[in-house]
């Protein structure tokens, strides 16, 4: 059971801020394996709970624990998805009632929050609330080193664009004019699968989020990121709509508290330090 109630502050008398609101609480976090945001330690089989994992998300949760006095339990999303709307369940106002992935677990009350490289996308903000961004990114083209260094050149030469299927990237590509009628391939279910396809085919490139692309260029000098960025996105923590907590006779908004914590970490340079730790400059 999620620990928070969906209490609409426009109806109830809500106070916006209580610094120790979550002190002593245990918060269930849904997330997904995607290095370096989250990865298993080499000896993970010998460990339990949060100790099995490492990465940017783990370090961020530790900093939030220190600030808020709460405990965050890491849970891997059951279906392995970020969050995709079943189009048949959307009404005329584009509100979707059937979500999978991390968005679905938050939307349906199976998790208190979702923390990952989840894009703040239009349909998603109708289903869940997002905190302010803790990181920015955008879609880029990851290519083998011998590929032409221009998006137009790739399109003219008939390159295949590999896109992870069933997520916000596919949704963006389908509604965007950036790639026009290019040769699009949505069959890959993971970054690792798409990367293997690209490496084995000189006429394939990947459409991937910039922070994920940096992981590959940091390890493999035979790949590169094209200079052109297809869009600009932000990542925020996803919460159930109207998440609030009642303390005595008062009700407090949870998103405001998390926004305060994230703003503090930004102001102190802590988030920049985490990015430099987990995305070091390549040695190529």
Protein backbone atom coordinates (compact mmCIF):
# COMPACT_ATOMS: atom_id res chain seq x y z
CA UNK A 1 0.00 0.00 0.00
CA UNK A 2 1.27 3.46 -0.84
CA UNK A 3 1.79 5.59 2.24
CA UNK A 4 0.47 8.82 0.72
CA UNK A 5 -3.09 9.89 0.14
CA UNK A 6 -4.26 11.73 -2.94
CA UNK A 7 -5.51 14.87 -1.26
CA UNK A 8 -6.34 17.81 -3.47
CA UNK A 9 -4.98 20.95 -1.87
CA UNK A 10 -7.42 23.14 -3.77
CA UNK A 11 -10.27 21.49 -1.85
CA UNK A 12 -8.67 20.84 1.52
CA UNK A 13 -6.81 23.38 3.60
CA UNK A 14 -3.25 22.45 2.67
CA UNK A 15 -0.03 23.80 4.08
CA UNK A 16 2.67 23.75 1.45
CA UNK A 17 5.75 22.96 3.51
CA UNK A 18 6.86 20.98 6.56
CA UNK A 19 10.57 20.25 6.61
CA UNK A 20 10.29 17.04 8.65
CA UNK A 21 7.14 15.80 6.91
CA UNK A 22 8.65 12.46 5.85
CA UNK A 23 10.93 11.88 8.83
CA UNK A 24 10.79 8.24 9.87
CA UNK A 25 8.66 7.19 6.87
CA UNK A 26 9.53 4.31 4.55
CA UNK A 27 8.96 5.19 0.90
CA UNK A 28 8.64 2.58 -1.84
CA UNK A 29 10.49 3.63 -4.99
CA UNK A 30 9.99 1.98 -8.36
CA UNK A 31 12.94 2.18 -10.73
CA UNK A 32 14.69 0.33 -13.54
CA UNK A 33 18.14 -1.04 -14.29
CA UNK A 34 19.87 1.36 -16.68
CA UNK A 35 23.56 2.04 -15.94
CA UNK A 36 24.84 4.35 -14.64
CA UNK A 37 21.50 5.51 -13.23
CA UNK A 38 21.05 2.11 -11.58
CA UNK A 39 23.07 -1.08 -11.84
CA UNK A 40 23.70 -4.25 -9.87
CA UNK A 41 26.92 -4.51 -7.88
CA UNK A 42 29.30 -7.30 -8.89
CA UNK A 43 28.51 -9.16 -5.67
CA UNK A 44 24.78 -8.38 -5.71
CA UNK A 45 23.85 -12.05 -5.17
CA UNK A 46 25.36 -11.83 -1.70
CA UNK A 47 23.47 -8.64 -0.78
CA UNK A 48 19.88 -7.64 -0.02
CA UNK A 49 17.72 -4.55 -0.41
CA UNK A 50 19.29 -1.29 -1.55
CA UNK A 51 22.77 -2.68 -0.93
CA UNK A 52 22.44 -4.75 -4.14
CA UNK A 53 22.54 -1.60 -6.26
CA UNK A 54 24.80 1.29 -7.15
CA UNK A 55 24.57 4.26 -9.46
CA UNK A 56 23.34 7.82 -9.73
CA UNK A 57 19.86 6.96 -8.42
CA UNK A 58 21.26 5.26 -5.33
CA UNK A 59 23.47 8.23 -4.49
CA UNK A 60 20.59 10.66 -5.07
CA UNK A 61 18.30 8.67 -2.76
CA UNK A 62 21.00 8.67 -0.06
CA UNK A 63 21.20 12.45 -0.27
CA UNK A 64 17.41 12.72 -0.06
CA UNK A 65 17.42 10.39 2.95
CA UNK A 66 19.95 12.65 4.66
CA UNK A 67 17.87 15.75 3.94
CA UNK A 68 14.41 14.38 4.66
CA UNK A 69 15.00 11.73 7.32
CA UNK A 70 13.05 9.13 5.33
CA UNK A 71 14.06 5.67 4.15
CA UNK A 72 13.72 4.86 0.45
CA UNK A 73 13.29 1.22 -0.61
CA UNK A 74 14.43 0.44 -4.15
CA UNK A 75 12.11 -1.85 -6.13
CA UNK A 76 12.67 -2.81 -9.77
CA UNK A 77 9.63 -2.18 -11.96
CA UNK A 78 7.91 -5.50 -12.54
CA UNK A 79 7.35 -5.29 -16.31
CA UNK A 80 10.68 -3.62 -17.14
CA UNK A 81 9.06 -0.56 -18.78
CA UNK A 82 9.29 3.17 -18.19
CA UNK A 83 5.65 3.95 -18.78
CA UNK A 84 3.60 3.79 -21.94
CA UNK A 85 -0.08 4.59 -22.42
CA UNK A 86 -2.40 2.10 -24.08
CA UNK A 87 -3.87 4.37 -26.80
CA UNK A 88 -7.22 2.56 -26.67
CA UNK A 89 -7.69 3.71 -23.06
CA UNK A 90 -7.26 7.44 -23.75
CA UNK A 91 -10.30 9.70 -23.83
CA UNK A 92 -10.90 12.73 -26.04
CA UNK A 93 -8.91 14.91 -23.63
CA UNK A 94 -5.91 12.58 -24.04
CA UNK A 95 -6.16 11.32 -20.47
CA UNK A 96 -4.96 7.72 -20.41
CA UNK A 97 -6.37 5.22 -17.93
CA UNK A 98 -4.06 2.29 -18.63
CA UNK A 99 -0.34 2.70 -18.07
CA UNK A 100 2.44 0.16 -17.86
CA UNK A 101 5.92 0.47 -16.37
CA UNK A 102 6.98 2.80 -13.60
CA UNK A 103 4.33 5.38 -14.50
CA UNK A 104 1.70 2.65 -14.20
CA UNK A 105 2.94 1.51 -10.79
CA UNK A 106 2.75 5.08 -9.46
CA UNK A 107 -0.57 5.78 -11.21
CA UNK A 108 -2.15 2.63 -9.75
CA UNK A 109 -0.80 3.15 -6.24
CA UNK A 110 1.70 0.28 -6.19
CA UNK A 111 4.63 2.65 -5.58
CA UNK A 112 5.01 5.93 -3.71
CA UNK A 113 7.32 7.40 -6.33
CA UNK A 114 9.35 6.58 -9.43
CA UNK A 115 12.97 7.65 -9.80
CA UNK A 116 14.83 6.99 -13.04
CA UNK A 117 15.65 8.75 -16.29
CA UNK A 118 11.91 9.18 -16.87
CA UNK A 119 11.14 11.87 -19.42
CA UNK A 120 8.58 14.45 -18.35
CA UNK A 121 6.29 13.92 -21.35
CA UNK A 122 2.88 15.52 -22.09
CA UNK A 123 0.67 12.45 -21.57
CA UNK A 124 2.57 11.46 -18.44
CA UNK A 125 1.91 14.76 -16.67
CA UNK A 126 -1.82 14.06 -17.04
CA UNK A 127 -1.36 10.77 -15.16
CA UNK A 128 1.19 11.62 -12.44
CA UNK A 129 2.81 14.63 -10.85
CA UNK A 130 6.49 15.36 -11.45
CA UNK A 131 8.89 17.19 -9.21
CA UNK A 132 11.12 19.81 -10.73
CA UNK A 133 13.87 18.29 -12.85
CA UNK A 134 16.95 16.78 -11.28
CA UNK A 135 18.63 16.36 -14.69
CA UNK A 136 18.22 17.52 -18.28
CA UNK A 137 18.88 15.62 -21.45
CA UNK A 138 17.62 15.11 -24.97
CA UNK A 139 17.54 12.64 -27.83
CA UNK A 140 20.73 12.35 -29.86
CA UNK A 141 22.11 10.09 -32.58
CA UNK A 142 24.70 7.53 -31.48
CA UNK A 143 26.67 6.17 -34.43
CA UNK A 144 29.70 4.15 -35.34
CA UNK A 145 32.81 6.30 -35.78
CA UNK A 146 32.85 5.92 -39.58
CA UNK A 147 29.28 7.21 -40.04
CA UNK A 148 28.80 10.69 -41.61
CA UNK A 149 28.67 13.49 -39.02
CA UNK A 150 25.31 14.92 -40.14
CA UNK A 151 21.67 13.89 -39.64
CA UNK A 152 20.75 14.85 -43.19
CA UNK A 153 23.62 12.76 -44.55
CA UNK A 154 22.43 9.73 -42.59
CA UNK A 155 18.91 10.14 -43.98
CA UNK A 156 20.10 10.63 -47.57
CA UNK A 157 22.38 7.60 -47.39
CA UNK A 158 19.55 5.36 -46.13
CA UNK A 159 20.83 4.63 -42.63
CA UNK A 160 18.52 2.66 -40.34
CA UNK A 161 17.52 4.49 -37.13
CA UNK A 162 17.18 2.10 -34.19
CA UNK A 163 14.66 3.28 -31.58
CA UNK A 164 13.68 1.55 -28.34
CA UNK A 165 10.07 0.46 -28.79
CA UNK A 166 7.18 1.13 -26.44
CA UNK A 167 8.31 4.31 -24.70
CA UNK A 168 8.45 8.08 -24.88
CA UNK A 169 11.27 7.97 -27.47
CA UNK A 170 9.09 6.05 -29.92
CA UNK A 171 6.19 8.39 -29.17
CA UNK A 172 8.35 11.43 -29.92
CA UNK A 173 9.80 9.99 -33.13
CA UNK A 174 6.35 9.04 -34.42
CA UNK A 175 5.02 12.55 -33.86
CA UNK A 176 8.15 14.45 -34.88
CA UNK A 177 9.30 15.67 -38.27
CA UNK A 178 12.99 15.41 -37.28
CA UNK A 179 13.51 12.10 -39.07
CA UNK A 180 10.72 12.43 -41.62
CA UNK A 181 10.14 9.20 -43.50
CA UNK A 182 13.49 7.74 -42.49
CA UNK A 183 14.14 4.03 -42.14
CA UNK A 184 12.91 3.56 -38.55
CA UNK A 185 13.27 0.33 -36.56
CA UNK A 186 11.28 0.05 -33.30
CA UNK A 187 11.99 -3.64 -32.70
CA UNK A 188 14.67 -3.20 -30.01
CA UNK A 189 13.40 -3.73 -26.46
CA UNK A 190 16.49 -2.43 -24.65
CA UNK A 191 19.50 -0.17 -25.17
CA UNK A 192 21.80 -3.18 -25.07
CA UNK A 193 19.86 -4.88 -27.88
CA UNK A 194 19.91 -1.76 -30.05
CA UNK A 195 23.61 -1.21 -29.38
CA UNK A 196 24.50 -4.74 -30.50
CA UNK A 197 22.51 -4.24 -33.71
CA UNK A 198 24.25 -0.94 -34.41
CA UNK A 199 27.73 -2.38 -33.82
CA UNK A 200 27.04 -5.26 -36.20
CA UNK A 201 25.66 -3.04 -38.98
CA UNK A 202 27.64 -0.09 -40.37
CA UNK A 203 24.44 1.35 -41.84
CA UNK A 204 22.57 1.57 -38.51
CA UNK A 205 22.53 4.30 -35.84
CA UNK A 206 20.70 4.64 -32.51
CA UNK A 207 18.26 7.31 -31.40
CA UNK A 208 18.98 7.49 -27.68
CA UNK A 209 18.80 9.82 -24.70
CA UNK A 210 22.00 11.85 -24.37
CA UNK A 211 22.96 10.61 -20.90
CA UNK A 212 22.69 7.00 -22.04
CA UNK A 213 24.70 7.81 -25.16
CA UNK A 214 27.51 9.24 -23.01
CA UNK A 215 27.83 5.88 -21.25
CA UNK A 216 28.73 4.21 -24.55
CA UNK A 217 31.11 6.92 -25.78
CA UNK A 218 32.83 6.83 -22.38
CA UNK A 219 33.62 3.13 -22.82
CA UNK A 220 33.88 2.64 -26.58
CA UNK A 221 36.03 4.96 -28.68
CA UNK A 222 34.64 3.46 -31.89
CA UNK A 223 31.28 5.24 -31.44
CA UNK A 224 30.35 8.92 -31.43
CA UNK A 225 27.45 11.28 -30.72
CA UNK A 226 26.32 13.55 -33.55
CA UNK A 227 26.32 17.23 -32.64
CA UNK A 228 22.62 17.68 -33.48
CA UNK A 229 20.18 17.13 -30.57
CA UNK A 230 16.64 16.17 -31.60
CA UNK A 231 14.83 17.58 -28.57
CA UNK A 232 15.30 18.89 -25.03
CA UNK A 233 13.81 16.93 -22.11
CA UNK A 234 13.97 16.89 -18.34
CA UNK A 235 13.81 14.09 -15.77
CA UNK A 236 11.73 14.43 -12.63
CA UNK A 237 10.57 12.20 -9.80
CA UNK A 238 7.06 10.88 -10.53
CA UNK A 239 4.45 11.00 -7.75
CA UNK A 240 0.75 10.08 -7.57
CA UNK A 241 -1.49 13.00 -8.51
CA UNK A 242 -2.12 15.33 -5.57
CA UNK A 243 0.21 13.43 -3.20
CA UNK A 244 -0.08 14.81 0.30
CA UNK A 245 0.26 13.70 3.90
CA UNK A 246 -2.00 14.49 6.81
CA UNK A 247 -0.29 15.38 10.09
CA UNK A 248 -2.72 16.08 12.89
CA UNK A 249 -5.30 18.51 11.56
CA UNK A 250 -3.13 19.74 8.68
CA UNK A 251 -2.42 18.40 5.21
CA UNK A 252 0.95 18.96 3.54
CA UNK A 253 1.94 18.79 -0.11
CA UNK A 254 4.71 16.24 -0.74
CA UNK A 255 5.88 17.55 -4.10
CA UNK A 256 6.79 20.93 -2.57
CA UNK A 257 9.05 19.22 -0.05
CA UNK A 258 10.81 17.16 -2.73
CA UNK A 259 11.17 20.27 -4.90
CA UNK A 260 12.84 21.99 -1.96
CA UNK A 261 15.24 19.08 -1.47
CA UNK A 262 16.16 18.94 -5.17
CA UNK A 263 16.62 22.70 -5.33
CA UNK A 264 18.93 22.55 -2.32
CA UNK A 265 21.04 19.81 -3.93
CA UNK A 266 21.29 21.86 -7.13
CA UNK A 267 22.23 25.03 -5.25
CA UNK A 268 24.94 23.22 -3.29
CA UNK A 269 26.41 21.67 -6.46
CA UNK A 270 25.63 18.14 -5.27
CA UNK A 271 23.79 17.11 -8.45
CA UNK A 272 26.65 18.32 -10.65
CA UNK A 273 29.06 16.28 -8.54
CA UNK A 274 26.93 13.17 -9.00
CA UNK A 275 26.83 13.64 -12.77
CA UNK A 276 30.62 14.04 -12.93
CA UNK A 277 31.01 10.91 -10.81
CA UNK A 278 28.82 8.65 -12.94
CA UNK A 279 29.48 10.21 -16.37
CA UNK A 280 33.24 10.87 -16.40
CA UNK A 281 34.83 12.42 -19.46
CA UNK A 282 35.96 9.82 -22.06
CA UNK A 283 39.66 9.15 -22.53
CA UNK A 284 39.48 8.85 -26.33
